[in-house]
PDB file of N, CA and C in Angstrom:
ATOM      1  N   MET A   1      -7.884 -10.262  17.989  1.00  0.00           N
ATOM      2  CA  MET A   1      -6.814 -11.233  17.867  1.00  0.00           C
ATOM      3  C   MET A   1      -5.474 -10.499  17.897  1.00  0.00           C
ATOM      4  N   ILE A   2      -4.520 -11.049  18.577  1.00  0.00           N
ATOM      5  CA  ILE A   2      -3.199 -10.440  18.713  1.00  0.00           C
ATOM      6  C   ILE A   2      -2.213 -11.006  17.705  1.00  0.00           C
ATOM      7  N   PHE A   3      -2.300 -12.296  17.430  1.00  0.00           N
ATOM      8  CA  PHE A   3      -1.356 -12.942  16.526  1.00  0.00           C
ATOM      9  C   PHE A   3      -2.056 -13.304  15.218  1.00  0.00           C
ATOM     10  N   HIS A   4      -1.346 -13.099  14.117  1.00  0.00           N
ATOM     11  CA  HIS A   4      -1.906 -13.350  12.793  1.00  0.00           C
ATOM     12  C   HIS A   4      -0.900 -14.134  11.966  1.00  0.00           C
ATOM     13  N   ASN A   5      -1.398 -14.909  11.035  1.00  0.00           N
ATOM     14  CA  ASN A   5      -0.548 -15.561  10.038  1.00  0.00           C
ATOM     15  C   ASN A   5      -1.125 -15.178   8.680  1.00  0.00           C
ATOM     16  N   LEU A   6      -0.314 -14.538   7.853  1.00  0.00           N
ATOM     17  CA  LEU A   6      -0.807 -14.055   6.569  1.00  0.00           C
ATOM     18  C   LEU A   6      -1.378 -15.176   5.706  1.00  0.00           C
ATOM     19  N   LYS A   7      -0.863 -16.386   5.878  1.00  0.00           N
ATOM     20  CA  LYS A   7      -1.357 -17.526   5.107  1.00  0.00           C
ATOM     21  C   LYS A   7      -2.824 -17.824   5.417  1.00  0.00           C
ATOM     22  N   ASN A   8      -3.270 -17.441   6.612  1.00  0.00           N
ATOM     23  CA  ASN A   8      -4.635 -17.745   7.033  1.00  0.00           C
ATOM     24  C   ASN A   8      -5.623 -16.608   6.773  1.00  0.00           C
ATOM     25  N   LEU A   9      -5.132 -15.477   6.279  1.00  0.00           N
ATOM     26  CA  LEU A   9      -6.007 -14.336   6.028  1.00  0.00           C
ATOM     27  C   LEU A   9      -6.523 -14.361   4.594  1.00  0.00           C
ATOM     28  N   GLU A  10      -7.758 -13.921   4.428  1.00  0.00           N
ATOM     29  CA  GLU A  10      -8.354 -13.840   3.097  1.00  0.00           C
ATOM     30  C   GLU A  10      -7.636 -12.775   2.270  1.00  0.00           C
ATOM     31  N   LYS A  11      -7.336 -13.105   1.023  1.00  0.00           N
ATOM     32  CA  LYS A  11      -6.719 -12.134   0.118  1.00  0.00           C
ATOM     33  C   LYS A  11      -7.803 -11.234  -0.456  1.00  0.00           C
ATOM     34  N   LYS A  12      -7.442  -9.971  -0.652  1.00  0.00           N
ATOM     35  CA  LYS A  12      -8.380  -9.006  -1.203  1.00  0.00           C
ATOM     36  C   LYS A  12      -7.707  -8.281  -2.357  1.00  0.00           C
ATOM     37  N   GLU A  13      -8.397  -8.195  -3.500  1.00  0.00           N
ATOM     38  CA  GLU A  13      -7.880  -7.430  -4.638  1.00  0.00           C
ATOM     39  C   GLU A  13      -8.455  -6.029  -4.546  1.00  0.00           C
ATOM     40  N   LEU A  14      -7.572  -5.052  -4.288  1.00  0.00           N
ATOM     41  CA  LEU A  14      -8.029  -3.669  -4.165  1.00  0.00           C
ATOM     42  C   LEU A  14      -8.236  -3.032  -5.525  1.00  0.00           C
ATOM     43  N   LEU A  15      -7.330  -3.327  -6.431  1.00  0.00           N
ATOM     44  CA  LEU A  15      -7.371  -2.847  -7.810  1.00  0.00           C
ATOM     45  C   LEU A  15      -6.775  -3.946  -8.672  1.00  0.00           C
ATOM     46  N   PRO A  16      -6.999  -3.928  -9.984  1.00  0.00           N
ATOM     47  CA  PRO A  16      -6.381  -4.959 -10.828  1.00  0.00           C
ATOM     48  C   PRO A  16      -4.862  -5.004 -10.615  1.00  0.00           C
ATOM     49  N   GLY A  17      -4.367  -6.183 -10.252  1.00  0.00           N
ATOM     50  CA  GLY A  17      -2.935  -6.369 -10.044  1.00  0.00           C
ATOM     51  C   GLY A  17      -2.436  -6.007  -8.663  1.00  0.00           C
ATOM     52  N   ILE A  18      -3.312  -5.560  -7.775  1.00  0.00           N
ATOM     53  CA  ILE A  18      -2.926  -5.196  -6.405  1.00  0.00           C
ATOM     54  C   ILE A  18      -3.735  -6.068  -5.449  1.00  0.00           C
ATOM     55  N   VAL A  19      -3.070  -7.108  -4.918  1.00  0.00           N
ATOM     56  CA  VAL A  19      -3.737  -8.117  -4.100  1.00  0.00           C
ATOM     57  C   VAL A  19      -2.984  -8.264  -2.785  1.00  0.00           C
ATOM     58  N   GLY A  20      -3.724  -8.371  -1.688  1.00  0.00           N
ATOM     59  CA  GLY A  20      -3.021  -8.534  -0.424  1.00  0.00           C
ATOM     60  C   GLY A  20      -3.894  -8.969   0.724  1.00  0.00           C
ATOM     61  N   ASN A  21      -3.241  -9.079   1.863  1.00  0.00           N
ATOM     62  CA  ASN A  21      -3.873  -9.428   3.120  1.00  0.00           C
ATOM     63  C   ASN A  21      -3.917  -8.180   3.982  1.00  0.00           C
ATOM     64  N   LEU A  22      -4.996  -8.035   4.727  1.00  0.00           N
ATOM     65  CA  LEU A  22      -5.180  -6.849   5.561  1.00  0.00           C
ATOM     66  C   LEU A  22      -5.400  -7.243   7.015  1.00  0.00           C
ATOM     67  N   ILE A  23      -4.769  -6.489   7.903  1.00  0.00           N
ATOM     68  CA  ILE A  23      -4.972  -6.630   9.344  1.00  0.00           C
ATOM     69  C   ILE A  23      -5.457  -5.283   9.854  1.00  0.00           C
ATOM     70  N   HIS A  24      -6.518  -5.307  10.649  1.00  0.00           N
ATOM     71  CA  HIS A  24      -7.086  -4.081  11.202  1.00  0.00           C
ATOM     72  C   HIS A  24      -6.973  -4.127  12.721  1.00  0.00           C
ATOM     73  N   THR A  25      -6.490  -3.031  13.304  1.00  0.00           N
ATOM     74  CA  THR A  25      -6.496  -2.861  14.749  1.00  0.00           C
ATOM     75  C   THR A  25      -7.520  -1.770  15.067  1.00  0.00           C
ATOM     76  N   ASP A  26      -7.550  -1.328  16.295  1.00  0.00           N
ATOM     77  CA  ASP A  26      -8.470  -0.246  16.656  1.00  0.00           C
ATOM     78  C   ASP A  26      -8.091   1.078  15.998  1.00  0.00           C
ATOM     79  N   THR A  27      -6.810   1.262  15.672  1.00  0.00           N
ATOM     80  CA  THR A  27      -6.363   2.573  15.188  1.00  0.00           C
ATOM     81  C   THR A  27      -5.657   2.551  13.833  1.00  0.00           C
ATOM     82  N   MET A  28      -5.401   1.378  13.274  1.00  0.00           N
ATOM     83  CA  MET A  28      -4.688   1.350  11.994  1.00  0.00           C
ATOM     84  C   MET A  28      -5.050   0.120  11.178  1.00  0.00           C
ATOM     85  N   THR A  29      -4.701   0.210   9.896  1.00  0.00           N
ATOM     86  CA  THR A  29      -4.811  -0.919   8.978  1.00  0.00           C
ATOM     87  C   THR A  29      -3.434  -1.167   8.397  1.00  0.00           C
ATOM     88  N   ILE A  30      -3.051  -2.436   8.337  1.00  0.00           N
ATOM     89  CA  ILE A  30      -1.771  -2.833   7.757  1.00  0.00           C
ATOM     90  C   ILE A  30      -2.073  -3.754   6.583  1.00  0.00           C
ATOM     91  N   GLY A  31      -1.533  -3.411   5.418  1.00  0.00           N
ATOM     92  CA  GLY A  31      -1.743  -4.209   4.226  1.00  0.00           C
ATOM     93  C   GLY A  31      -0.434  -4.795   3.732  1.00  0.00           C
ATOM     94  N   TYR A  32      -0.456  -6.071   3.430  1.00  0.00           N
ATOM     95  CA  TYR A  32       0.695  -6.788   2.868  1.00  0.00           C
ATOM     96  C   TYR A  32       0.320  -7.118   1.428  1.00  0.00           C
ATOM     97  N   PHE A  33       0.886  -6.376   0.466  1.00  0.00           N
ATOM     98  CA  PHE A  33       0.419  -6.441  -0.917  1.00  0.00           C
ATOM     99  C   PHE A  33       1.461  -7.002  -1.867  1.00  0.00           C
ATOM    100  N   ASN A  34       0.973  -7.793  -2.811  1.00  0.00           N
ATOM    101  CA  ASN A  34       1.733  -8.187  -3.993  1.00  0.00           C
ATOM    102  C   ASN A  34       1.155  -7.356  -5.134  1.00  0.00           C
ATOM    103  N   ILE A  35       2.029  -6.672  -5.837  1.00  0.00           N
ATOM    104  CA  ILE A  35       1.602  -5.802  -6.935  1.00  0.00           C
ATOM    105  C   ILE A  35       2.260  -6.311  -8.210  1.00  0.00           C
ATOM    106  N   SER A  36       1.444  -6.602  -9.201  1.00  0.00           N
ATOM    107  CA  SER A  36       1.945  -7.143 -10.466  1.00  0.00           C
ATOM    108  C   SER A  36       2.562  -6.052 -11.328  1.00  0.00           C
ATOM    109  N   LYS A  37       3.597  -6.419 -12.056  1.00  0.00           N
ATOM    110  CA  LYS A  37       4.246  -5.499 -12.987  1.00  0.00           C
ATOM    111  C   LYS A  37       3.184  -4.868 -13.884  1.00  0.00           C
ATOM    112  N   GLY A  38       3.249  -3.545 -14.012  1.00  0.00           N
ATOM    113  CA  GLY A  38       2.317  -2.808 -14.850  1.00  0.00           C
ATOM    114  C   GLY A  38       1.062  -2.340 -14.142  1.00  0.00           C
ATOM    115  N   ALA A  39       0.822  -2.821 -12.918  1.00  0.00           N
ATOM    116  CA  ALA A  39      -0.367  -2.387 -12.181  1.00  0.00           C
ATOM    117  C   ALA A  39      -0.261  -0.890 -11.874  1.00  0.00           C
ATOM    118  N   VAL A  40      -1.395  -0.217 -11.993  1.00  0.00           N
ATOM    119  CA  VAL A  40      -1.428   1.233 -11.805  1.00  0.00           C
ATOM    120  C   VAL A  40      -2.288   1.577 -10.589  1.00  0.00           C
ATOM    121  N   LEU A  41      -1.753   2.445  -9.745  1.00  0.00           N
ATOM    122  CA  LEU A  41      -2.497   3.026  -8.631  1.00  0.00           C
ATOM    123  C   LEU A  41      -2.913   4.417  -9.091  1.00  0.00           C
ATOM    124  N   PRO A  42      -4.188   4.611  -9.445  1.00  0.00           N
ATOM    125  CA  PRO A  42      -4.616   5.919  -9.961  1.00  0.00           C
ATOM    126  C   PRO A  42      -4.459   7.010  -8.905  1.00  0.00           C
ATOM    127  N   ALA A  43      -4.326   8.237  -9.352  1.00  0.00           N
ATOM    128  CA  ALA A  43      -4.207   9.375  -8.442  1.00  0.00           C
ATOM    129  C   ALA A  43      -5.443   9.435  -7.543  1.00  0.00           C
ATOM    130  N   HIS A  44      -5.200   9.571  -6.249  1.00  0.00           N
ATOM    131  CA  HIS A  44      -6.281   9.646  -5.279  1.00  0.00           C
ATOM    132  C   HIS A  44      -5.740  10.253  -3.992  1.00  0.00           C
ATOM    133  N   SER A  45      -6.630  10.545  -3.076  1.00  0.00           N
ATOM    134  CA  SER A  45      -6.247  10.994  -1.728  1.00  0.00           C
ATOM    135  C   SER A  45      -7.273  10.441  -0.754  1.00  0.00           C
ATOM    136  N   HIS A  46      -6.910  10.431   0.524  1.00  0.00           N
ATOM    137  CA  HIS A  46      -7.803   9.959   1.573  1.00  0.00           C
ATOM    138  C   HIS A  46      -7.399  10.594   2.891  1.00  0.00           C
ATOM    139  N   ILE A  47      -8.261  10.445   3.868  1.00  0.00           N
ATOM    140  CA  ILE A  47      -8.027  11.090   5.169  1.00  0.00           C
ATOM    141  C   ILE A  47      -6.919  10.414   5.971  1.00  0.00           C
ATOM    142  N   HIS A  48      -6.464   9.263   5.512  1.00  0.00           N
ATOM    143  CA  HIS A  48      -5.507   8.463   6.274  1.00  0.00           C
ATOM    144  C   HIS A  48      -4.073   8.893   6.014  1.00  0.00           C
ATOM    145  N   GLU A  49      -3.271   8.937   7.074  1.00  0.00           N
ATOM    146  CA  GLU A  49      -1.827   8.967   6.888  1.00  0.00           C
ATOM    147  C   GLU A  49      -1.442   7.584   6.378  1.00  0.00           C
ATOM    148  N   GLN A  50      -0.420   7.525   5.541  1.00  0.00           N
ATOM    149  CA  GLN A  50      -0.012   6.239   4.969  1.00  0.00           C
ATOM    150  C   GLN A  50       1.506   6.157   4.958  1.00  0.00           C
ATOM    151  N   VAL A  51       2.011   4.995   5.326  1.00  0.00           N
ATOM    152  CA  VAL A  51       3.439   4.707   5.206  1.00  0.00           C
ATOM    153  C   VAL A  51       3.558   3.492   4.298  1.00  0.00           C
ATOM    154  N   THR A  52       4.262   3.654   3.178  1.00  0.00           N
ATOM    155  CA  THR A  52       4.447   2.579   2.213  1.00  0.00           C
ATOM    156  C   THR A  52       5.896   2.135   2.243  1.00  0.00           C
ATOM    157  N   SER A  53       6.124   0.857   2.521  1.00  0.00           N
ATOM    158  CA  SER A  53       7.475   0.285   2.557  1.00  0.00           C
ATOM    159  C   SER A  53       7.592  -0.724   1.420  1.00  0.00           C
ATOM    160  N   LEU A  54       8.547  -0.507   0.529  1.00  0.00           N
ATOM    161  CA  LEU A  54       8.760  -1.425  -0.577  1.00  0.00           C
ATOM    162  C   LEU A  54       9.754  -2.495  -0.148  1.00  0.00           C
ATOM    163  N   LEU A  55       9.302  -3.743  -0.166  1.00  0.00           N
ATOM    164  CA  LEU A  55      10.156  -4.866   0.238  1.00  0.00           C
ATOM    165  C   LEU A  55      10.906  -5.455  -0.947  1.00  0.00           C
ATOM    166  N   GLU A  56      10.237  -5.515  -2.112  1.00  0.00           N
ATOM    167  CA  GLU A  56      10.837  -6.081  -3.324  1.00  0.00           C
ATOM    168  C   GLU A  56      10.297  -5.332  -4.526  1.00  0.00           C
ATOM    169  N   GLY A  57      11.137  -5.194  -5.551  1.00  0.00           N
ATOM    170  CA  GLY A  57      10.691  -4.648  -6.824  1.00  0.00           C
ATOM    171  C   GLY A  57      11.042  -3.190  -7.018  1.00  0.00           C
ATOM    172  N   GLU A  58      10.421  -2.609  -8.065  1.00  0.00           N
ATOM    173  CA  GLU A  58      10.600  -1.207  -8.415  1.00  0.00           C
ATOM    174  C   GLU A  58       9.219  -0.605  -8.626  1.00  0.00           C
ATOM    175  N   PHE A  59       8.928   0.458  -7.891  1.00  0.00           N
ATOM    176  CA  PHE A  59       7.613   1.097  -7.933  1.00  0.00           C
ATOM    177  C   PHE A  59       7.800   2.594  -8.078  1.00  0.00           C
ATOM    178  N   GLU A  60       7.225   3.167  -9.113  1.00  0.00           N
ATOM    179  CA  GLU A  60       7.289   4.614  -9.311  1.00  0.00           C
ATOM    180  C   GLU A  60       6.099   5.242  -8.610  1.00  0.00           C
ATOM    181  N   MET A  61       6.377   6.134  -7.660  1.00  0.00           N
ATOM    182  CA  MET A  61       5.304   6.741  -6.868  1.00  0.00           C
ATOM    183  C   MET A  61       5.394   8.252  -6.946  1.00  0.00           C
ATOM    184  N   THR A  62       4.228   8.864  -7.063  1.00  0.00           N
ATOM    185  CA  THR A  62       4.132  10.323  -7.040  1.00  0.00           C
ATOM    186  C   THR A  62       3.293  10.712  -5.832  1.00  0.00           C
ATOM    187  N   VAL A  63       3.834  11.603  -5.005  1.00  0.00           N
ATOM    188  CA  VAL A  63       3.133  12.112  -3.829  1.00  0.00           C
ATOM    189  C   VAL A  63       3.195  13.628  -3.879  1.00  0.00           C
ATOM    190  N   ALA A  64       2.024  14.255  -3.886  1.00  0.00           N
ATOM    191  CA  ALA A  64       1.934  15.723  -3.894  1.00  0.00           C
ATOM    192  C   ALA A  64       2.802  16.322  -4.998  1.00  0.00           C
ATOM    193  N   GLY A  65       2.773  15.700  -6.173  1.00  0.00           N
ATOM    194  CA  GLY A  65       3.487  16.226  -7.338  1.00  0.00           C
ATOM    195  C   GLY A  65       4.951  15.843  -7.444  1.00  0.00           C
ATOM    196  N   GLU A  66       5.494  15.145  -6.447  1.00  0.00           N
ATOM    197  CA  GLU A  66       6.900  14.722  -6.484  1.00  0.00           C
ATOM    198  C   GLU A  66       6.970  13.227  -6.794  1.00  0.00           C
ATOM    199  N   THR A  67       7.722  12.876  -7.832  1.00  0.00           N
ATOM    200  CA  THR A  67       7.840  11.487  -8.263  1.00  0.00           C
ATOM    201  C   THR A  67       9.187  10.915  -7.859  1.00  0.00           C
ATOM    202  N   GLN A  68       9.161   9.694  -7.322  1.00  0.00           N
ATOM    203  CA  GLN A  68      10.372   8.981  -6.918  1.00  0.00           C
ATOM    204  C   GLN A  68      10.269   7.538  -7.372  1.00  0.00           C
ATOM    205  N   LEU A  69      11.415   6.951  -7.670  1.00  0.00           N
ATOM    206  CA  LEU A  69      11.482   5.524  -7.932  1.00  0.00           C
ATOM    207  C   LEU A  69      11.777   4.836  -6.608  1.00  0.00           C
ATOM    208  N   LEU A  70      10.858   4.007  -6.147  1.00  0.00           N
ATOM    209  CA  LEU A  70      11.059   3.262  -4.908  1.00  0.00           C
ATOM    210  C   LEU A  70      11.678   1.915  -5.239  1.00  0.00           C
ATOM    211  N   LEU A  71      12.740   1.581  -4.516  1.00  0.00           N
ATOM    212  CA  LEU A  71      13.418   0.300  -4.636  1.00  0.00           C
ATOM    213  C   LEU A  71      13.316  -0.406  -3.291  1.00  0.00           C
ATOM    214  N   ALA A  72      13.696  -1.673  -3.236  1.00  0.00           N
ATOM    215  CA  ALA A  72      13.642  -2.409  -1.979  1.00  0.00           C
ATOM    216  C   ALA A  72      14.326  -1.608  -0.876  1.00  0.00           C
ATOM    217  N   GLY A  73      13.624  -1.438   0.229  1.00  0.00           N
ATOM    218  CA  GLY A  73      14.140  -0.654   1.349  1.00  0.00           C
ATOM    219  C   GLY A  73      13.648   0.778   1.368  1.00  0.00           C
ATOM    220  N   SER A  74      13.008   1.239   0.283  1.00  0.00           N
ATOM    221  CA  SER A  74      12.470   2.601   0.236  1.00  0.00           C
ATOM    222  C   SER A  74      11.179   2.687   1.034  1.00  0.00           C
ATOM    223  N   VAL A  75      10.980   3.845   1.656  1.00  0.00           N
ATOM    224  CA  VAL A  75       9.768   4.098   2.426  1.00  0.00           C
ATOM    225  C   VAL A  75       9.232   5.469   2.031  1.00  0.00           C
ATOM    226  N   ALA A  76       7.922   5.523   1.742  1.00  0.00           N
ATOM    227  CA  ALA A  76       7.260   6.793   1.453  1.00  0.00           C
ATOM    228  C   ALA A  76       6.281   7.084   2.583  1.00  0.00           C
ATOM    229  N   THR A  77       6.344   8.291   3.134  1.00  0.00           N
ATOM    230  CA  THR A  77       5.375   8.715   4.137  1.00  0.00           C
ATOM    231  C   THR A  77       4.436   9.705   3.460  1.00  0.00           C
ATOM    232  N   ILE A  78       3.165   9.371   3.466  1.00  0.00           N
ATOM    233  CA  ILE A  78       2.166  10.139   2.724  1.00  0.00           C
ATOM    234  C   ILE A  78       1.227  10.800   3.728  1.00  0.00           C
ATOM    235  N   PRO A  79       1.232  12.135   3.756  1.00  0.00           N
ATOM    236  CA  PRO A  79       0.346  12.826   4.700  1.00  0.00           C
ATOM    237  C   PRO A  79      -1.126  12.608   4.354  1.00  0.00           C
ATOM    238  N   ALA A  80      -1.980  12.783   5.342  1.00  0.00           N
ATOM    239  CA  ALA A  80      -3.425  12.729   5.107  1.00  0.00           C
ATOM    240  C   ALA A  80      -3.793  13.727   4.017  1.00  0.00           C
ATOM    241  N   ASN A  81      -4.693  13.320   3.140  1.00  0.00           N
ATOM    242  CA  ASN A  81      -5.248  14.148   2.069  1.00  0.00           C
ATOM    243  C   ASN A  81      -4.271  14.511   0.954  1.00  0.00           C
ATOM    244  N   ALA A  82      -3.052  13.976   0.964  1.00  0.00           N
ATOM    245  CA  ALA A  82      -2.097  14.238  -0.116  1.00  0.00           C
ATOM    246  C   ALA A  82      -2.440  13.359  -1.311  1.00  0.00           C
ATOM    247  N   GLU A  83      -2.513  13.952  -2.489  1.00  0.00           N
ATOM    248  CA  GLU A  83      -2.771  13.161  -3.689  1.00  0.00           C
ATOM    249  C   GLU A  83      -1.541  12.316  -3.999  1.00  0.00           C
ATOM    250  N   HIS A  84      -1.778  11.046  -4.329  1.00  0.00           N
ATOM    251  CA  HIS A  84      -0.678  10.149  -4.661  1.00  0.00           C
ATOM    252  C   HIS A  84      -1.132   9.121  -5.686  1.00  0.00           C
ATOM    253  N   SER A  85      -0.141   8.591  -6.419  1.00  0.00           N
ATOM    254  CA  SER A  85      -0.401   7.607  -7.474  1.00  0.00           C
ATOM    255  C   SER A  85       0.865   6.790  -7.661  1.00  0.00           C
ATOM    256  N   GLY A  86       0.773   5.741  -8.477  1.00  0.00           N
ATOM    257  CA  GLY A  86       1.975   4.942  -8.697  1.00  0.00           C
ATOM    258  C   GLY A  86       1.795   3.918  -9.796  1.00  0.00           C
ATOM    259  N   LYS A  87       2.919   3.305 -10.151  1.00  0.00           N
ATOM    260  CA  LYS A  87       2.925   2.240 -11.156  1.00  0.00           C
ATOM    261  C   LYS A  87       4.040   1.266 -10.813  1.00  0.00           C
ATOM    262  N   ALA A  88       3.711  -0.030 -10.868  1.00  0.00           N
ATOM    263  CA  ALA A  88       4.703  -1.072 -10.616  1.00  0.00           C
ATOM    264  C   ALA A  88       5.513  -1.296 -11.889  1.00  0.00           C
ATOM    265  N   LEU A  89       6.809  -1.045 -11.817  1.00  0.00           N
ATOM    266  CA  LEU A  89       7.688  -1.264 -12.967  1.00  0.00           C
ATOM    267  C   LEU A  89       8.131  -2.719 -13.049  1.00  0.00           C
ATOM    268  N   THR A  90       8.060  -3.414 -11.906  1.00  0.00           N
ATOM    269  CA  THR A  90       8.323  -4.851 -11.817  1.00  0.00           C
ATOM    270  C   THR A  90       7.287  -5.414 -10.845  1.00  0.00           C
ATOM    271  N   ASP A  91       7.263  -6.722 -10.666  1.00  0.00           N
ATOM    272  CA  ASP A  91       6.456  -7.284  -9.585  1.00  0.00           C
ATOM    273  C   ASP A  91       7.002  -6.741  -8.265  1.00  0.00           C
ATOM    274  N   CYS A  92       6.112  -6.377  -7.355  1.00  0.00           N
ATOM    275  CA  CYS A  92       6.526  -5.738  -6.098  1.00  0.00           C
ATOM    276  C   CYS A  92       5.850  -6.398  -4.901  1.00  0.00           C
ATOM    277  N   LYS A  93       6.520  -6.274  -3.756  1.00  0.00           N
ATOM    278  CA  LYS A  93       5.930  -6.610  -2.456  1.00  0.00           C
ATOM    279  C   LYS A  93       6.009  -5.343  -1.611  1.00  0.00           C
ATOM    280  N   VAL A  94       4.866  -5.003  -1.018  1.00  0.00           N
ATOM    281  CA  VAL A  94       4.738  -3.731  -0.313  1.00  0.00           C
ATOM    282  C   VAL A  94       4.007  -3.951   1.004  1.00  0.00           C
ATOM    283  N   ILE A  95       4.400  -3.200   2.019  1.00  0.00           N
ATOM    284  CA  ILE A  95       3.618  -3.106   3.250  1.00  0.00           C
ATOM    285  C   ILE A  95       3.116  -1.667   3.342  1.00  0.00           C
ATOM    286  N   ASP A  96       1.799  -1.510   3.474  1.00  0.00           N
ATOM    287  CA  ASP A  96       1.184  -0.200   3.675  1.00  0.00           C
ATOM    288  C   ASP A  96       0.574  -0.161   5.068  1.00  0.00           C
ATOM    289  N   VAL A  97       0.818   0.932   5.776  1.00  0.00           N
ATOM    290  CA  VAL A  97       0.215   1.155   7.085  1.00  0.00           C
ATOM    291  C   VAL A  97      -0.610   2.429   6.987  1.00  0.00           C
ATOM    292  N   PHE A  98      -1.870   2.347   7.430  1.00  0.00           N
ATOM    293  CA  PHE A  98      -2.794   3.470   7.374  1.00  0.00           C
ATOM    294  C   PHE A  98      -3.286   3.801   8.776  1.00  0.00           C
ATOM    295  N   ASN A  99      -3.390   5.103   9.059  1.00  0.00           N
ATOM    296  CA  ASN A  99      -3.962   5.570  10.304  1.00  0.00           C
ATOM    297  C   ASN A  99      -4.874   6.747   9.966  1.00  0.00           C
ATOM    298  N   PRO A 100      -6.150   6.733  10.364  1.00  0.00           N
ATOM    299  CA  PRO A 100      -6.847   5.708  11.130  1.00  0.00           C
ATOM    300  C   PRO A 100      -7.171   4.482  10.268  1.00  0.00           C
ATOM    301  N   VAL A 101      -7.937   3.576  10.847  1.00  0.00           N
ATOM    302  CA  VAL A 101      -8.337   2.337  10.189  1.00  0.00           C
ATOM    303  C   VAL A 101      -9.009   2.631   8.845  1.00  0.00           C
ATOM    304  N   ARG A 102      -8.701   1.821   7.840  1.00  0.00           N
ATOM    305  CA  ARG A 102      -9.372   1.905   6.541  1.00  0.00           C
ATOM    306  C   ARG A 102     -10.660   1.094   6.618  1.00  0.00           C
ATOM    307  N   GLU A 103     -11.739   1.726   7.026  1.00  0.00           N
ATOM    308  CA  GLU A 103     -13.025   1.029   7.113  1.00  0.00           C
ATOM    309  C   GLU A 103     -13.440   0.489   5.753  1.00  0.00           C
ATOM    310  N   ASP A 104     -13.059   1.211   4.682  1.00  0.00           N
ATOM    311  CA  ASP A 104     -13.432   0.783   3.325  1.00  0.00           C
ATOM    312  C   ASP A 104     -12.692  -0.486   2.895  1.00  0.00           C
ATOM    313  N   TYR A 105     -11.665  -0.879   3.612  1.00  0.00           N
ATOM    314  CA  TYR A 105     -10.922  -2.103   3.278  1.00  0.00           C
ATOM    315  C   TYR A 105     -11.404  -3.306   4.086  1.00  0.00           C
ATOM    316  N   LYS A 106     -12.323  -3.094   5.014  1.00  0.00           N
ATOM    317  CA  LYS A 106     -12.823  -4.214   5.823  1.00  0.00           C
ATOM    318  C   LYS A 106     -13.760  -5.090   5.013  1.00  0.00           C
TER     319      LYS A 106
END
């Protein structure tokens, strides 16, 4: 499918407080997430490159030992296999792009 409407996609809860819609192409996964205030993304790494764009809210993110406060308009580029974690300081809206496809999110 080429065209998508987020309203028509099934929501998936990846972790407590992290819920979103996912679109998969042949080479990437795009996630549109609502993250509840206080939700925690535990430290982890994966083979995927990841680009996280914060649309709304305040999210504290640590990538490879460096911590930044992400505000609306902030973008984090996370290399493959880099350990990263985070915490939502407010309710947040985020777009995550992963390459290659996140088979585990299908």
